[in-house]
All heavy atoms as atom14 arrays in JSON, in Angstrom:
{
  "sequence": "VQARGRATRRWIAIGLIALGVFFLVFGLVLA",
  "atom14_mask": [
    [1, 1, 1, 1, 1, 1, 1, 0, 0, 0, 0, 0, 0, 0],
    [1, 1, 1, 1, 1, 1, 1, 1, 1, 0, 0, 0, 0, 0],
    [1, 1, 1, 1, 1, 0, 0, 0, 0, 0, 0, 0, 0, 0],
    [1, 1, 1, 1, 1, 1, 1, 1, 1, 1, 1, 0, 0, 0],
    [1, 1, 1, 1, 0, 0, 0, 0, 0, 0, 0, 0, 0, 0],
    [1, 1, 1, 1, 1, 1, 1, 1, 1, 1, 1, 0, 0, 0],
    [1, 1, 1, 1, 1, 0, 0, 0, 0, 0, 0, 0, 0, 0],
    [1, 1, 1, 1, 1, 1, 1, 0, 0, 0, 0, 0, 0, 0],
    [1, 1, 1, 1, 1, 1, 1, 1, 1, 1, 1, 0, 0, 0],
    [1, 1, 1, 1, 1, 1, 1, 1, 1, 1, 1, 0, 0, 0],
    [1, 1, 1, 1, 1, 1, 1, 1, 1, 1, 1, 1, 1, 1],
    [1, 1, 1, 1, 1, 1, 1, 1, 0, 0, 0, 0, 0, 0],
    [1, 1, 1, 1, 1, 0, 0, 0, 0, 0, 0, 0, 0, 0],
    [1, 1, 1, 1, 1, 1, 1, 1, 0, 0, 0, 0, 0, 0],
    [1, 1, 1, 1, 0, 0, 0, 0, 0, 0, 0, 0, 0, 0],
    [1, 1, 1, 1, 1, 1, 1, 1, 0, 0, 0, 0, 0, 0],
    [1, 1, 1, 1, 1, 1, 1, 1, 0, 0, 0, 0, 0, 0],
    [1, 1, 1, 1, 1, 0, 0, 0, 0, 0, 0, 0, 0, 0],
    [1, 1, 1, 1, 1, 1, 1, 1, 0, 0, 0, 0, 0, 0],
    [1, 1, 1, 1, 0, 0, 0, 0, 0, 0, 0, 0, 0, 0],
    [1, 1, 1, 1, 1, 1, 1, 0, 0, 0, 0, 0, 0, 0],
    [1, 1, 1, 1, 1, 1, 1, 1, 1, 1, 1, 0, 0, 0],
    [1, 1, 1, 1, 1, 1, 1, 1, 1, 1, 1, 0, 0, 0],
    [1, 1, 1, 1, 1, 1, 1, 1, 0, 0, 0, 0, 0, 0],
    [1, 1, 1, 1, 1, 1, 1, 0, 0, 0, 0, 0, 0, 0],
    [1, 1, 1, 1, 1, 1, 1, 1, 1, 1, 1, 0, 0, 0],
    [1, 1, 1, 1, 0, 0, 0, 0, 0, 0, 0, 0, 0, 0],
    [1, 1, 1, 1, 1, 1, 1, 1, 0, 0, 0, 0, 0, 0],
    [1, 1, 1, 1, 1, 1, 1, 0, 0, 0, 0, 0, 0, 0],
    [1, 1, 1, 1, 1, 1, 1, 1, 0, 0, 0, 0, 0, 0],
    [1, 1, 1, 1, 1, 0, 0, 0, 0, 0, 0, 0, 0, 0]
  ],
  "atom14_positions": [
    [[0.59, -48.87, 34.77], [1.52, -49.66, 33.95], [1.62, -51.07, 34.53], [1.58, -52.03, 33.79], [2.88, -48.96, 33.79], [3.87, -49.88, 33.11], [2.77, -47.68, 33.02], [0.0, 0.0, 0.0], [0.0, 0.0, 0.0], [0.0, 0.0, 0.0], [0.0, 0.0, 0.0], [0.0, 0.0, 0.0], [0.0, 0.0, 0.0], [0.0, 0.0, 0.0]],
    [[1.72, -51.16, 35.84], [1.79, -52.46, 36.47], [0.53, -53.26, 36.26], [0.56, -54.41, 36.04], [2.1, -52.29, 37.96], [3.51, -51.9, 38.28], [3.74, -51.71, 39.79], [2.76, -51.72, 40.57], [4.96, -51.59, 40.19], [0.0, 0.0, 0.0], [0.0, 0.0, 0.0], [0.0, 0.0, 0.0], [0.0, 0.0, 0.0], [0.0, 0.0, 0.0]],
    [[-0.63, -52.59, 36.39], [-1.92, -53.27, 36.24], [-2.05, -53.73, 34.8], [-2.56, -54.86, 34.55], [-3.1, -52.28, 36.56], [0.0, 0.0, 0.0], [0.0, 0.0, 0.0], [0.0, 0.0, 0.0], [0.0, 0.0, 0.0], [0.0, 0.0, 0.0], [0.0, 0.0, 0.0], [0.0, 0.0, 0.0], [0.0, 0.0, 0.0], [0.0, 0.0, 0.0]],
    [[-1.68, -52.94, 33.75], [-1.69, -53.38, 32.37], [-0.8, -54.57, 32.18], [-1.13, -55.5, 31.42], [-1.31, -52.23, 31.48], [-2.41, -51.3, 31.17], [-2.05, -50.37, 30.06], [-2.79, -49.15, 30.22], [-2.34, -47.99, 29.9], [-1.13, -47.87, 29.34], [-3.07, -46.91, 30.05], [0.0, 0.0, 0.0], [0.0, 0.0, 0.0], [0.0, 0.0, 0.0]],
    [[0.39, -54.56, 32.78], [1.32, -55.69, 32.63], [0.76, -56.96, 33.24], [0.84, -58.03, 32.6], [0.0, 0.0, 0.0], [0.0, 0.0, 0.0], [0.0, 0.0, 0.0], [0.0, 0.0, 0.0], [0.0, 0.0, 0.0], [0.0, 0.0, 0.0], [0.0, 0.0, 0.0], [0.0, 0.0, 0.0], [0.0, 0.0, 0.0], [0.0, 0.0, 0.0]],
    [[0.12, -56.86, 34.33], [-0.55, -58.04, 34.93], [-1.68, -58.57, 34.12], [-1.85, -59.74, 33.89], [-1.07, -57.72, 36.36], [-0.01, -57.77, 37.37], [-0.62, -57.67, 38.75], [0.23, -56.8, 39.53], [-0.18, -55.71, 40.22], [-1.47, -55.45, 40.26], [0.66, -54.94, 40.85], [0.0, 0.0, 0.0], [0.0, 0.0, 0.0], [0.0, 0.0, 0.0]],
    [[-2.49, -57.63, 33.58], [-3.67, -58.02, 32.73], [-3.1, -58.7, 31.46], [-3.68, -59.72, 30.99], [-4.45, -56.81, 32.36], [0.0, 0.0, 0.0], [0.0, 0.0, 0.0], [0.0, 0.0, 0.0], [0.0, 0.0, 0.0], [0.0, 0.0, 0.0], [0.0, 0.0, 0.0], [0.0, 0.0, 0.0], [0.0, 0.0, 0.0], [0.0, 0.0, 0.0]],
    [[-2.07, -58.18, 30.88], [-1.5, -58.79, 29.68], [-0.92, -60.2, 29.95], [-1.19, -61.14, 29.2], [-0.3, -57.9, 29.12], [-0.85, -56.62, 28.8], [0.27, -58.49, 27.85], [0.0, 0.0, 0.0], [0.0, 0.0, 0.0], [0.0, 0.0, 0.0], [0.0, 0.0, 0.0], [0.0, 0.0, 0.0], [0.0, 0.0, 0.0], [0.0, 0.0, 0.0]],
    [[-0.2, -60.35, 31.08], [0.27, -61.69, 31.48], [-0.88, -62.61, 31.68], [-0.76, -63.83, 31.36], [1.18, -61.53, 32.66], [2.55, -60.98, 32.34], [3.52, -61.15, 33.47], [3.11, -60.5, 34.7], [3.4, -59.22, 35.05], [4.15, -58.49, 34.26], [2.97, -58.71, 36.19], [0.0, 0.0, 0.0], [0.0, 0.0, 0.0], [0.0, 0.0, 0.0]],
    [[-1.91, -62.14, 32.34], [-3.07, -63.0, 32.58], [-3.69, -63.47, 31.27], [-3.99, -64.63, 31.11], [-4.12, -62.22, 33.4], [-5.29, -63.08, 33.81], [-6.26, -62.36, 34.75], [-5.57, -61.96, 35.99], [-5.58, -60.75, 36.54], [-6.27, -59.76, 35.96], [-4.94, -60.46, 37.65], [0.0, 0.0, 0.0], [0.0, 0.0, 0.0], [0.0, 0.0, 0.0]],
    [[-3.84, -62.63, 30.27], [-4.43, -63.0, 28.99], [-3.5, -63.96, 28.21], [-3.97, -64.91, 27.56], [-4.76, -61.78, 28.1], [-6.03, -61.17, 28.49], [-6.24, -59.98, 29.07], [-7.34, -61.77, 28.4], [-7.59, -59.72, 29.39], [-8.3, -60.85, 28.94], [-7.84, -62.96, 27.87], [-9.6, -61.11, 29.0], [-9.18, -63.16, 27.93], [-10.05, -62.23, 28.46]],
    [[-2.2, -63.74, 28.34], [-1.25, -64.66, 27.71], [-1.35, -66.03, 28.38], [-1.39, -67.08, 27.71], [0.19, -64.11, 27.81], [0.31, -62.9, 26.87], [1.21, -65.17, 27.45], [1.64, -62.15, 27.02], [0.0, 0.0, 0.0], [0.0, 0.0, 0.0], [0.0, 0.0, 0.0], [0.0, 0.0, 0.0], [0.0, 0.0, 0.0], [0.0, 0.0, 0.0]],
    [[-1.46, -66.05, 29.67], [-1.58, -67.34, 30.41], [-2.9, -68.04, 30.05], [-2.9, -69.27, 29.76], [-1.54, -67.11, 31.92], [0.0, 0.0, 0.0], [0.0, 0.0, 0.0], [0.0, 0.0, 0.0], [0.0, 0.0, 0.0], [0.0, 0.0, 0.0], [0.0, 0.0, 0.0], [0.0, 0.0, 0.0], [0.0, 0.0, 0.0], [0.0, 0.0, 0.0]],
    [[-3.99, -67.28, 29.94], [-5.23, -67.9, 29.56], [-5.17, -68.43, 28.14], [-5.67, -69.58, 27.83], [-6.42, -66.89, 29.7], [-6.68, -66.59, 31.15], [-7.73, -67.34, 28.98], [-7.6, -65.39, 31.43], [0.0, 0.0, 0.0], [0.0, 0.0, 0.0], [0.0, 0.0, 0.0], [0.0, 0.0, 0.0], [0.0, 0.0, 0.0], [0.0, 0.0, 0.0]],
    [[-4.56, -67.72, 27.22], [-4.37, -68.17, 25.85], [-3.56, -69.44, 25.75], [-3.9, -70.4, 25.0], [0.0, 0.0, 0.0], [0.0, 0.0, 0.0], [0.0, 0.0, 0.0], [0.0, 0.0, 0.0], [0.0, 0.0, 0.0], [0.0, 0.0, 0.0], [0.0, 0.0, 0.0], [0.0, 0.0, 0.0], [0.0, 0.0, 0.0], [0.0, 0.0, 0.0]],
    [[-2.45, -69.55, 26.55], [-1.64, -70.67, 26.55], [-2.32, -71.94, 27.16], [-2.26, -73.04, 26.68], [-0.28, -70.48, 27.31], [0.67, -69.52, 26.57], [1.86, -69.21, 27.51], [1.14, -70.13, 25.27], [0.0, 0.0, 0.0], [0.0, 0.0, 0.0], [0.0, 0.0, 0.0], [0.0, 0.0, 0.0], [0.0, 0.0, 0.0], [0.0, 0.0, 0.0]],
    [[-3.11, -71.69, 28.21], [-3.91, -72.79, 28.77], [-4.92, -73.32, 27.81], [-5.17, -74.46, 27.6], [-4.55, -72.33, 30.09], [-3.48, -72.14, 31.16], [-5.61, -73.31, 30.54], [-3.94, -71.44, 32.45], [0.0, 0.0, 0.0], [0.0, 0.0, 0.0], [0.0, 0.0, 0.0], [0.0, 0.0, 0.0], [0.0, 0.0, 0.0], [0.0, 0.0, 0.0]],
    [[-5.62, -72.35, 27.09], [-6.63, -72.79, 26.08], [-5.97, -73.58, 24.95], [-6.51, -74.55, 24.51], [-7.34, -71.51, 25.56], [0.0, 0.0, 0.0], [0.0, 0.0, 0.0], [0.0, 0.0, 0.0], [0.0, 0.0, 0.0], [0.0, 0.0, 0.0], [0.0, 0.0, 0.0], [0.0, 0.0, 0.0], [0.0, 0.0, 0.0], [0.0, 0.0, 0.0]],
    [[-4.83, -73.16, 24.53], [-4.1, -73.85, 23.5], [-3.72, -75.25, 23.96], [-3.88, -76.23, 23.2], [-2.85, -73.05, 23.05], [-2.09, -73.55, 21.81], [-3.0, -73.43, 20.59], [-0.83, -72.75, 21.62], [0.0, 0.0, 0.0], [0.0, 0.0, 0.0], [0.0, 0.0, 0.0], [0.0, 0.0, 0.0], [0.0, 0.0, 0.0], [0.0, 0.0, 0.0]],
    [[-3.23, -75.35, 25.17], [-2.91, -76.63, 25.75], [-4.12, -77.59, 25.84], [-4.05, -78.76, 25.51], [0.0, 0.0, 0.0], [0.0, 0.0, 0.0], [0.0, 0.0, 0.0], [0.0, 0.0, 0.0], [0.0, 0.0, 0.0], [0.0, 0.0, 0.0], [0.0, 0.0, 0.0], [0.0, 0.0, 0.0], [0.0, 0.0, 0.0], [0.0, 0.0, 0.0]],
    [[-5.23, -77.05, 26.26], [-6.49, -77.79, 26.33], [-6.89, -78.29, 24.96], [-7.3, -79.45, 24.8], [-7.59, -77.01, 27.05], [-8.99, -77.68, 26.89], [-7.3, -76.81, 28.51], [0.0, 0.0, 0.0], [0.0, 0.0, 0.0], [0.0, 0.0, 0.0], [0.0, 0.0, 0.0], [0.0, 0.0, 0.0], [0.0, 0.0, 0.0], [0.0, 0.0, 0.0]],
    [[-6.8, -77.43, 23.95], [-7.11, -77.82, 22.57], [-6.24, -79.0, 22.15], [-6.79, -79.96, 21.62], [-6.93, -76.58, 21.65], [-7.03, -77.07, 20.2], [-8.28, -77.23, 19.57], [-5.83, -77.21, 19.41], [-8.33, -77.64, 18.24], [-5.96, -77.59, 18.06], [-7.17, -77.8, 17.49], [0.0, 0.0, 0.0], [0.0, 0.0, 0.0], [0.0, 0.0, 0.0]],
    [[-4.94, -78.91, 22.3], [-4.09, -80.03, 21.88], [-4.33, -81.3, 22.71], [-4.23, -82.37, 22.14], [-2.62, -79.58, 21.95], [-2.22, -78.74, 20.78], [-1.88, -77.44, 20.96], [-2.24, -79.28, 19.52], [-1.5, -76.65, 19.87], [-1.87, -78.55, 18.41], [-1.53, -77.15, 18.58], [0.0, 0.0, 0.0], [0.0, 0.0, 0.0], [0.0, 0.0, 0.0]],
    [[-4.65, -81.12, 23.95], [-5.03, -82.32, 24.79], [-6.27, -83.01, 24.23], [-6.26, -84.28, 24.08], [-5.2, -81.92, 26.25], [-5.66, -83.05, 27.16], [-4.64, -84.11, 27.3], [-6.08, -82.46, 28.56], [0.0, 0.0, 0.0], [0.0, 0.0, 0.0], [0.0, 0.0, 0.0], [0.0, 0.0, 0.0], [0.0, 0.0, 0.0], [0.0, 0.0, 0.0]],
    [[-7.3, -82.25, 23.94], [-8.5, -82.82, 23.42], [-8.25, -83.46, 22.05], [-8.73, -84.57, 21.79], [-9.65, -81.78, 23.36], [-10.87, -82.25, 22.51], [-10.07, -81.34, 24.72], [0.0, 0.0, 0.0], [0.0, 0.0, 0.0], [0.0, 0.0, 0.0], [0.0, 0.0, 0.0], [0.0, 0.0, 0.0], [0.0, 0.0, 0.0], [0.0, 0.0, 0.0]],
    [[-7.52, -82.77, 21.17], [-7.16, -83.35, 19.88], [-6.42, -84.63, 19.98], [-6.7, -85.56, 19.32], [-6.31, -82.28, 19.09], [-6.0, -82.63, 17.7], [-7.01, -82.69, 16.76], [-4.72, -82.98, 17.34], [-6.73, -83.03, 15.42], [-4.4, -83.31, 16.05], [-5.44, -83.4, 15.09], [0.0, 0.0, 0.0], [0.0, 0.0, 0.0], [0.0, 0.0, 0.0]],
    [[-5.43, -84.65, 20.87], [-4.71, -85.92, 21.11], [-5.58, -87.05, 21.64], [-5.45, -88.19, 21.24], [0.0, 0.0, 0.0], [0.0, 0.0, 0.0], [0.0, 0.0, 0.0], [0.0, 0.0, 0.0], [0.0, 0.0, 0.0], [0.0, 0.0, 0.0], [0.0, 0.0, 0.0], [0.0, 0.0, 0.0], [0.0, 0.0, 0.0], [0.0, 0.0, 0.0]],
    [[-6.49, -86.72, 22.54], [-7.39, -87.79, 23.07], [-8.34, -88.27, 21.97], [-8.58, -89.48, 21.94], [-8.19, -87.2, 24.28], [-7.4, -86.95, 25.52], [-8.24, -86.23, 26.57], [-6.84, -88.21, 26.06], [0.0, 0.0, 0.0], [0.0, 0.0, 0.0], [0.0, 0.0, 0.0], [0.0, 0.0, 0.0], [0.0, 0.0, 0.0], [0.0, 0.0, 0.0]],
    [[-8.8, -87.44, 21.1], [-9.66, -87.87, 20.0], [-8.88, -88.82, 19.05], [-9.37, -89.86, 18.69], [-10.23, -86.65, 19.23], [-10.84, -87.08, 17.89], [-11.24, -85.89, 20.07], [0.0, 0.0, 0.0], [0.0, 0.0, 0.0], [0.0, 0.0, 0.0], [0.0, 0.0, 0.0], [0.0, 0.0, 0.0], [0.0, 0.0, 0.0], [0.0, 0.0, 0.0]],
    [[-7.65, -88.42, 18.72], [-6.83, -89.31, 17.9], [-6.55, -90.64, 18.56], [-6.56, -91.7, 17.9], [-5.52, -88.61, 17.51], [-5.62, -87.49, 16.48], [-4.25, -86.87, 16.25], [-6.25, -87.93, 15.21], [0.0, 0.0, 0.0], [0.0, 0.0, 0.0], [0.0, 0.0, 0.0], [0.0, 0.0, 0.0], [0.0, 0.0, 0.0], [0.0, 0.0, 0.0]],
    [[-6.24, -90.6, 19.81], [-5.99, -91.88, 20.56], [-7.2, -92.71, 20.59], [-7.12, -93.93, 20.42], [-5.49, -91.52, 22.0], [0.0, 0.0, 0.0], [0.0, 0.0, 0.0], [0.0, 0.0, 0.0], [0.0, 0.0, 0.0], [0.0, 0.0, 0.0], [0.0, 0.0, 0.0], [0.0, 0.0, 0.0], [0.0, 0.0, 0.0], [0.0, 0.0, 0.0]]
  ]
}
């Protein structure tokens, strides 16, 4: 259960980082 919780948190973190990178690139293109 602890290992699954860590894996889930890791995927959520990766997803949030990817979303942040997408918005950063989009903002730089518009700028």
